[in-house]
Amino acid sequence: MSALRFGIVGAGMMAREHIRNIGLVDTARLVALADPEPSSLKASLEEAGGRWGGIATFDSVESMVAGAALDAVIVSSPNFTHRAVLEPLFDAGVHILCEKPLCTALEDARWVVDRAERHKAVFWTAMEYRFMPPAAQFVQDVRAGSVGRLVMLTIREHRFPFLVKVGDWNRFSSNTGGTMVEKCCHFFDLMRLIVNAEPVRVFCSGAMDVNHLDERYGGRQPDIIDNSFTIVDFDNGVRAMLDLCMFAEGAEQQETLTAVGDTARLEAFIPAGDLVRSLRVPLGAPKEVTKRHVPVDEAALKAGTHHGSVYYQLLAFLDAIMGTGPTVVTAMDGLRAVAIGAAAEISAREGRVVTMAELGF
């Protein structure tokens, strides 16, 4: 079988990670890039390094669709462009992997869901954190009952600030949807997956307290949250919390997932890749703790900054295209993750609990 012909819209940092991962599989090859910024196209072509021969470049998605023979397209353009980028891709009938967040506005995300449900090819929302091997194993274990009846879920991300992007677009909530949409939709998606239920209430306490305070762009100060606590109540009674800090560059573990049930506690540490399970025991009794390491393909680790997940996601996406696997992350999954993030943004601004019913869920 000849390799599937891929195009990428948006030739920035995430595109280059996708390029490195496409290079790890024999069943895909990159044939086209679209971006209005020449420097981004140049950097992505250099990343490809002649691996697939000539790669056509375009300054728009419309010209790429018209000028290149494509089987599948990855959308990694800025968040606020997704709806405009997706429209010609839906019309072209190609398989689509759209980076998170699906869109910055709920009405746009709902439009995508409607189009995706009528799309005859695969539509996949890129939620890489599902495909980090330690996180995937954590999800599998909790869903299999390793903690008994799940009661509490905590996700912690302590990391570095947002990176610099072309035009500094990611410094403003009007472009990103806000940090709780832009960054945290990953974690809200994980919550839904692990808890296996839908949210009913969201409370977020967050602000921009450390990062970007002295930055100005055209006289405007950034307005993106850099730390927050978010509590999400689910309709099956489970409660979950996200602990986010984006000025914790020195943290040993960037992500920690903790599930506590009525019989045990399970933790996953990333990038260490360790899972630790602690059984409930009577006070004073010897602790019963087991630890195991979840391996990750070394080439996949070196291909990006998402703990190998872009590679494993690509394999699953290719399976869906070939009909040998399901569409794991749908447009509806993308919409629901954005909705929780939007509720968190409202909650942080207005200092109140936001019900998902207010947003139509």
Protein backbone atom coordinates (compact mmCIF):
# COMPACT_ATOMS: atom_id res chain seq x y z
CA MET A 1 0.00 0.00 0.00
CA SER A 2 1.32 3.45 -0.87
CA ALA A 3 1.75 5.90 1.98
CA LEU A 4 -1.12 8.27 2.76
CA ARG A 5 -0.48 11.81 1.56
CA PHE A 6 -0.59 14.31 4.45
CA GLY A 7 -0.85 18.07 4.45
CA ILE A 8 -0.43 20.33 7.48
CA VAL A 9 -2.15 23.70 7.94
CA GLY A 10 -0.20 25.93 10.30
CA ALA A 11 3.56 25.39 10.06
CA GLY A 12 4.58 26.42 13.58
CA MET A 13 6.04 24.56 16.53
CA MET A 14 3.31 21.91 16.81
CA ALA A 15 3.46 21.29 13.06
CA ARG A 16 7.16 20.49 13.37
CA GLU A 17 6.39 17.94 16.08
CA HIS A 18 3.84 16.34 13.76
CA ILE A 19 6.43 16.32 10.97
CA ARG A 20 8.93 14.43 13.14
CA ASN A 21 6.29 11.87 14.06
CA ILE A 22 5.05 11.36 10.50
CA GLY A 23 8.67 10.55 9.76
CA LEU A 24 8.48 7.60 12.17
CA VAL A 25 5.82 5.70 10.20
CA ASP A 26 5.98 4.10 6.76
CA THR A 27 2.29 4.51 5.97
CA ALA A 28 2.27 8.33 5.82
CA ARG A 29 4.27 11.00 4.05
CA LEU A 30 4.11 14.77 4.11
CA VAL A 31 3.39 16.36 0.73
CA ALA A 32 2.11 19.87 1.53
CA LEU A 33 2.32 22.71 4.06
CA ALA A 34 0.11 25.79 4.30
CA ASP A 35 0.88 28.91 6.31
CA PRO A 36 0.78 32.66 5.49
CA GLU A 37 4.04 33.18 7.41
CA PRO A 38 7.12 32.45 5.21
CA SER A 39 9.45 31.96 8.20
CA SER A 40 7.20 29.20 9.58
CA LEU A 41 7.12 27.42 6.23
CA LYS A 42 10.92 27.65 6.03
CA ALA A 43 11.38 26.21 9.53
CA SER A 44 9.00 23.32 8.84
CA LEU A 45 10.66 22.50 5.52
CA GLU A 46 13.99 22.40 7.33
CA GLU A 47 12.44 20.06 9.89
CA ALA A 48 11.31 17.75 7.10
CA GLY A 49 14.88 17.80 5.80
CA GLY A 50 14.11 16.40 2.38
CA ARG A 51 12.76 13.20 3.94
CA TRP A 52 9.89 12.95 1.45
CA GLY A 53 11.42 14.80 -1.47
CA GLY A 54 9.62 17.93 -2.58
CA ILE A 55 6.97 19.33 -0.23
CA ALA A 56 4.63 21.88 -1.78
CA THR A 57 4.05 25.06 0.20
CA PHE A 58 1.01 27.33 0.12
CA ASP A 59 -0.02 30.56 1.80
CA SER A 60 -3.59 29.41 2.53
CA VAL A 61 -5.60 26.27 3.14
CA GLU A 62 -7.73 27.02 0.08
CA SER A 63 -4.70 27.08 -2.23
CA MET A 64 -3.35 23.90 -0.63
CA VAL A 65 -6.61 22.02 -1.19
CA ALA A 66 -6.71 23.24 -4.79
CA GLY A 67 -3.06 22.56 -5.53
CA ALA A 68 -2.14 19.34 -3.74
CA ALA A 69 -3.43 15.76 -3.87
CA LEU A 70 -4.17 14.93 -0.23
CA ASP A 71 -5.60 12.04 1.76
CA ALA A 72 -5.39 13.61 5.21
CA VAL A 73 -4.71 17.01 6.77
CA ILE A 74 -3.49 18.00 10.23
CA VAL A 75 -4.75 21.36 11.48
CA SER A 76 -2.22 23.04 13.77
CA SER A 77 -2.99 26.66 12.98
CA PRO A 78 -3.80 29.19 15.77
CA ASN A 79 -6.92 28.34 17.76
CA PHE A 80 -9.03 31.20 16.47
CA THR A 81 -8.53 30.10 12.83
CA HIS A 82 -9.88 26.57 13.17
CA ARG A 83 -13.39 27.09 11.87
CA ALA A 84 -12.19 29.01 8.81
CA VAL A 85 -9.52 26.39 8.13
CA LEU A 86 -11.87 23.43 8.56
CA GLU A 87 -14.56 24.63 6.15
CA PRO A 88 -12.55 24.02 2.92
CA LEU A 89 -11.17 20.78 4.38
CA PHE A 90 -14.67 19.46 5.01
CA ASP A 91 -15.61 20.48 1.47
CA ALA A 92 -12.54 18.62 0.13
CA GLY A 93 -13.58 15.38 1.85
CA VAL A 94 -10.16 14.63 3.35
CA HIS A 95 -9.46 12.90 6.65
CA ILE A 96 -8.87 15.56 9.32
CA LEU A 97 -6.92 15.63 12.58
CA CYS A 98 -7.62 18.98 14.25
CA GLU A 99 -5.44 20.14 17.10
CA LYS A 100 -6.99 21.17 20.38
CA PRO A 101 -8.88 23.23 21.27
CA LEU A 102 -11.45 22.39 18.63
CA CYS A 103 -12.46 26.07 18.47
CA THR A 104 -12.32 29.09 20.76
CA ALA A 105 -16.07 29.75 20.74
CA LEU A 106 -18.80 27.25 21.55
CA GLU A 107 -20.91 28.21 18.53
CA ASP A 108 -17.96 27.46 16.24
CA ALA A 109 -17.28 24.16 17.97
CA ARG A 110 -20.94 23.19 17.59
CA TRP A 111 -20.68 24.02 13.87
CA VAL A 112 -17.68 21.69 13.60
CA VAL A 113 -19.59 18.89 15.31
CA ASP A 114 -22.45 19.27 12.84
CA ARG A 115 -20.10 19.19 9.85
CA ALA A 116 -18.05 16.32 11.28
CA GLU A 117 -21.13 14.16 11.81
CA ARG A 118 -21.92 14.53 8.12
CA HIS A 119 -18.30 14.17 6.98
CA LYS A 120 -17.70 10.89 5.16
CA ALA A 121 -14.01 10.77 6.10
CA VAL A 122 -12.45 10.58 9.57
CA PHE A 123 -12.61 13.67 11.78
CA TRP A 124 -10.38 13.44 14.84
CA THR A 125 -9.85 15.98 17.63
CA ALA A 126 -6.20 15.88 18.67
CA MET A 127 -6.10 15.23 22.41
CA GLU A 128 -2.53 14.06 22.86
CA TYR A 129 -2.71 13.54 26.62
CA ARG A 130 -5.00 10.55 26.13
CA PHE A 131 -2.14 8.87 24.28
CA MET A 132 0.70 9.42 26.73
CA PRO A 133 1.42 5.80 27.72
CA PRO A 134 1.42 6.42 31.51
CA ALA A 135 -1.82 8.41 31.25
CA ALA A 136 -3.40 5.79 28.97
CA GLN A 137 -2.48 3.03 31.43
CA PHE A 138 -3.83 5.11 34.31
CA VAL A 139 -7.15 5.55 32.50
CA GLN A 140 -7.32 1.83 31.73
CA ASP A 141 -6.57 0.85 35.33
CA VAL A 142 -9.13 3.22 36.87
CA ARG A 143 -11.79 2.16 34.38
CA ALA A 144 -10.97 -1.49 35.22
CA GLY A 145 -11.64 -0.87 38.92
CA SER A 146 -8.11 -0.66 40.32
CA VAL A 147 -9.22 1.91 42.93
CA GLY A 148 -12.64 0.37 43.48
CA ARG A 149 -15.48 2.88 43.10
CA LEU A 150 -13.88 6.13 41.94
CA VAL A 151 -14.71 9.06 44.23
CA MET A 152 -12.08 11.75 43.62
CA LEU A 153 -9.80 12.60 40.70
CA THR A 154 -7.00 15.17 40.76
CA ILE A 155 -4.89 16.29 37.80
CA ARG A 156 -1.89 18.52 38.46
CA GLU A 157 0.15 20.29 35.82
CA HIS A 158 3.03 22.40 37.10
CA ARG A 159 5.04 23.62 34.11
CA PHE A 160 6.67 26.45 32.21
CA PRO A 161 4.83 29.51 30.80
CA PHE A 162 3.27 29.61 27.35
CA LEU A 163 5.93 29.66 24.64
CA VAL A 164 6.37 32.51 22.18
CA LYS A 165 4.29 32.14 19.00
CA VAL A 166 4.25 34.04 15.71
CA GLY A 167 2.48 37.35 16.24
CA ASP A 168 2.20 36.60 19.97
CA TRP A 169 -1.32 35.38 19.35
CA ASN A 170 -1.32 33.09 22.38
CA ARG A 171 -1.00 35.99 24.82
CA PHE A 172 -4.67 36.96 24.50
CA SER A 173 -7.84 35.11 25.46
CA SER A 174 -9.64 36.46 22.41
CA ASN A 175 -7.28 34.34 20.29
CA THR A 176 -6.93 31.27 22.50
CA GLY A 177 -10.30 30.97 24.21
CA GLY A 178 -8.40 31.58 27.47
CA THR A 179 -5.94 29.33 29.26
CA MET A 180 -8.69 27.09 30.61
CA VAL A 181 -9.73 26.36 27.02
CA GLU A 182 -6.35 26.55 25.27
CA LYS A 183 -4.29 24.46 27.69
CA CYS A 184 -6.75 22.79 29.98
CA CYS A 185 -9.14 21.26 27.46
CA HIS A 186 -6.64 18.36 27.46
CA PHE A 187 -7.26 17.75 31.14
CA PHE A 188 -11.00 18.25 31.02
CA ASP A 189 -11.08 15.67 28.22
CA LEU A 190 -9.11 13.28 30.45
CA MET A 191 -11.54 13.90 33.30
CA ARG A 192 -14.52 12.91 31.15
CA LEU A 193 -12.69 9.82 29.93
CA ILE A 194 -11.59 8.66 33.39
CA VAL A 195 -14.80 9.49 35.26
CA ASN A 196 -16.96 8.12 32.41
CA ALA A 197 -19.63 10.74 33.05
CA GLU A 198 -20.56 14.30 32.09
CA PRO A 199 -19.93 17.46 34.15
CA VAL A 200 -22.75 19.40 35.75
CA ARG A 201 -20.96 22.21 37.67
CA VAL A 202 -17.62 23.99 37.36
CA PHE A 203 -15.88 26.34 39.79
CA CYS A 204 -12.53 27.91 38.89
CA SER A 205 -10.38 30.25 40.94
CA GLY A 206 -7.59 31.56 38.71
CA ALA A 207 -5.73 34.65 37.57
CA MET A 208 -2.63 35.99 35.81
CA ASP A 209 -0.39 36.61 38.82
CA VAL A 210 3.20 36.06 37.64
CA ASN A 211 3.70 35.56 33.90
CA HIS A 212 3.49 38.25 31.18
CA LEU A 213 2.85 41.11 33.61
CA ASP A 214 5.45 43.37 32.01
CA GLU A 215 4.68 42.39 28.41
CA ARG A 216 2.85 44.71 26.03
CA TYR A 217 1.78 44.04 22.46
CA GLY A 218 0.55 47.07 20.57
CA GLY A 219 -0.08 48.67 23.95
CA ARG A 220 -2.16 45.70 25.13
CA GLN A 221 -1.33 43.63 28.21
CA PRO A 222 -1.82 39.84 28.02
CA ASP A 223 -4.88 38.53 29.84
CA ILE A 224 -4.29 34.77 30.15
CA ILE A 225 -4.60 32.83 33.41
CA ASP A 226 -1.27 31.45 34.66
CA ASN A 227 -2.50 29.57 37.75
CA SER A 228 -5.80 28.11 38.86
CA PHE A 229 -7.71 25.53 40.83
CA THR A 230 -10.76 24.14 39.02
CA ILE A 231 -13.35 21.82 40.57
CA VAL A 232 -15.68 19.86 38.30
CA ASP A 233 -18.70 17.94 39.65
CA PHE A 234 -19.88 15.07 37.47
CA ASP A 235 -23.36 13.64 37.09
CA ASN A 236 -22.35 10.29 38.64
CA GLY A 237 -21.23 11.96 41.88
CA VAL A 238 -17.48 11.93 41.20
CA ARG A 239 -15.65 15.20 41.78
CA ALA A 240 -12.48 16.18 39.99
CA MET A 241 -9.94 18.96 40.43
CA LEU A 242 -7.35 20.51 38.12
CA ASP A 243 -4.35 22.18 39.77
CA LEU A 244 -2.56 24.33 37.18
CA CYS A 245 0.58 26.40 37.63
CA MET A 246 2.47 27.85 34.65
CA PHE A 247 5.40 29.31 36.56
CA ALA A 248 6.76 26.07 38.00
CA GLU A 249 9.54 25.32 35.53
CA GLY A 250 11.59 23.52 38.19
CA ALA A 251 9.00 20.89 39.04
CA GLU A 252 10.37 17.35 38.84
CA GLN A 253 7.11 15.98 37.43
CA GLN A 254 5.12 18.09 35.00
CA GLU A 255 1.89 16.09 35.34
CA THR A 256 0.52 14.02 38.19
CA LEU A 257 -2.77 12.13 37.95
CA THR A 258 -4.36 10.87 41.17
CA ALA A 259 -7.50 8.73 41.46
CA VAL A 260 -8.89 7.83 44.87
CA GLY A 261 -11.60 5.23 45.24
CA ASP A 262 -13.18 3.32 48.09
CA THR A 263 -10.50 0.59 48.02
CA ALA A 264 -7.27 2.15 46.72
CA ARG A 265 -5.39 5.19 45.43
CA LEU A 266 -3.60 5.31 42.07
CA GLU A 267 -1.08 7.90 40.90
CA ALA A 268 0.67 8.43 37.57
CA PHE A 269 3.76 10.61 37.24
CA ILE A 270 4.84 12.18 33.95
CA PRO A 271 7.59 12.30 32.67
CA ALA A 272 8.82 9.66 35.14
CA GLY A 273 6.29 7.23 33.66
CA ASP A 274 5.59 5.50 36.99
CA LEU A 275 2.24 4.31 38.33
CA VAL A 276 1.89 3.85 42.10
CA ARG A 277 -1.07 2.01 43.64
CA SER A 278 -1.76 2.19 47.39
CA LEU A 279 -4.40 -0.05 48.96
CA ARG A 280 -6.54 1.09 51.88
CA VAL A 281 -5.34 -0.62 55.02
CA PRO A 282 -6.35 -0.30 58.70
CA LEU A 283 -4.60 2.50 60.58
CA GLY A 284 -1.23 1.20 61.79
CA ALA A 285 -1.15 -1.80 59.44
CA PRO A 286 1.75 -2.26 56.96
CA LYS A 287 1.27 -0.25 53.78
CA GLU A 288 0.56 -2.17 50.59
CA VAL A 289 2.08 -0.18 47.74
CA THR A 290 2.96 -1.39 44.25
CA LYS A 291 4.93 0.57 41.68
CA ARG A 292 5.45 -0.09 37.98
CA HIS A 293 6.99 1.74 35.08
CA VAL A 294 5.18 2.32 31.78
CA PRO A 295 7.67 2.31 28.88
CA VAL A 296 7.53 4.67 25.90
CA ASP A 297 9.05 4.14 22.47
CA GLU A 298 12.41 5.93 22.55
CA ALA A 299 12.08 7.35 19.04
CA ALA A 300 8.63 8.71 19.92
CA LEU A 301 10.02 10.38 23.05
CA LYS A 302 12.71 12.09 21.02
CA ALA A 303 10.23 13.24 18.35
CA GLY A 304 8.45 15.76 20.54
CA THR A 305 7.63 17.25 23.92
CA HIS A 306 4.41 15.35 24.64
CA HIS A 307 5.88 12.14 26.09
CA GLY A 308 5.45 10.14 22.88
CA SER A 309 1.75 10.81 22.63
CA VAL A 310 1.80 12.46 19.20
CA TYR A 311 3.27 9.26 17.76
CA TYR A 312 0.74 6.95 19.40
CA GLN A 313 -2.11 9.26 18.43
CA LEU A 314 -0.90 9.24 14.81
CA LEU A 315 -0.91 5.43 14.77
CA ALA A 316 -4.50 5.39 16.07
CA PHE A 317 -5.54 8.05 13.53
CA LEU A 318 -4.04 5.97 10.71
CA ASP A 319 -5.91 2.91 11.98
CA ALA A 320 -9.16 4.88 11.87
CA ILE A 321 -8.44 5.98 8.29
CA MET A 322 -7.73 2.39 7.24
CA GLY A 323 -10.86 1.10 8.98
CA THR A 324 -8.89 -1.06 11.40
CA GLY A 325 -9.68 1.06 14.45
CA PRO A 326 -12.26 3.54 15.78
CA THR A 327 -12.23 7.33 15.80
CA VAL A 328 -11.06 7.57 19.39
CA VAL A 329 -11.56 11.32 19.92
CA THR A 330 -14.57 12.77 18.12
CA ALA A 331 -15.61 16.32 17.36
CA MET A 332 -18.17 15.98 20.18
CA ASP A 333 -15.34 15.12 22.58
CA GLY A 334 -13.60 18.27 21.42
CA LEU A 335 -16.72 20.37 21.93
CA ARG A 336 -17.34 19.06 25.44
CA ALA A 337 -13.72 19.74 26.49
CA VAL A 338 -14.01 23.30 25.18
CA ALA A 339 -17.31 23.72 27.03
CA ILE A 340 -15.77 22.80 30.39
CA GLY A 341 -12.91 25.20 29.69
CA ALA A 342 -15.34 27.96 28.75
CA ALA A 343 -17.28 27.36 31.98
CA ALA A 344 -14.01 27.60 33.93
CA GLU A 345 -13.12 30.90 32.23
CA ILE A 346 -16.53 32.37 33.12
CA SER A 347 -16.22 31.08 36.68
CA ALA A 348 -12.76 32.62 37.17
CA ARG A 349 -13.89 35.99 35.78
CA GLU A 350 -17.18 36.17 37.68
CA GLY A 351 -16.20 34.35 40.88
CA ARG A 352 -19.10 31.91 40.85
CA VAL A 353 -20.10 28.35 40.12
CA VAL A 354 -21.12 27.85 36.50
CA THR A 355 -23.54 25.08 35.60
CA MET A 356 -23.08 23.29 32.29
CA ALA A 357 -26.79 23.77 31.67
CA GLU A 358 -26.08 27.50 31.32
CA LEU A 359 -23.95 26.63 28.29
CA GLY A 360 -26.52 24.26 26.83
CA PHE A 361 -25.10 20.95 28.12
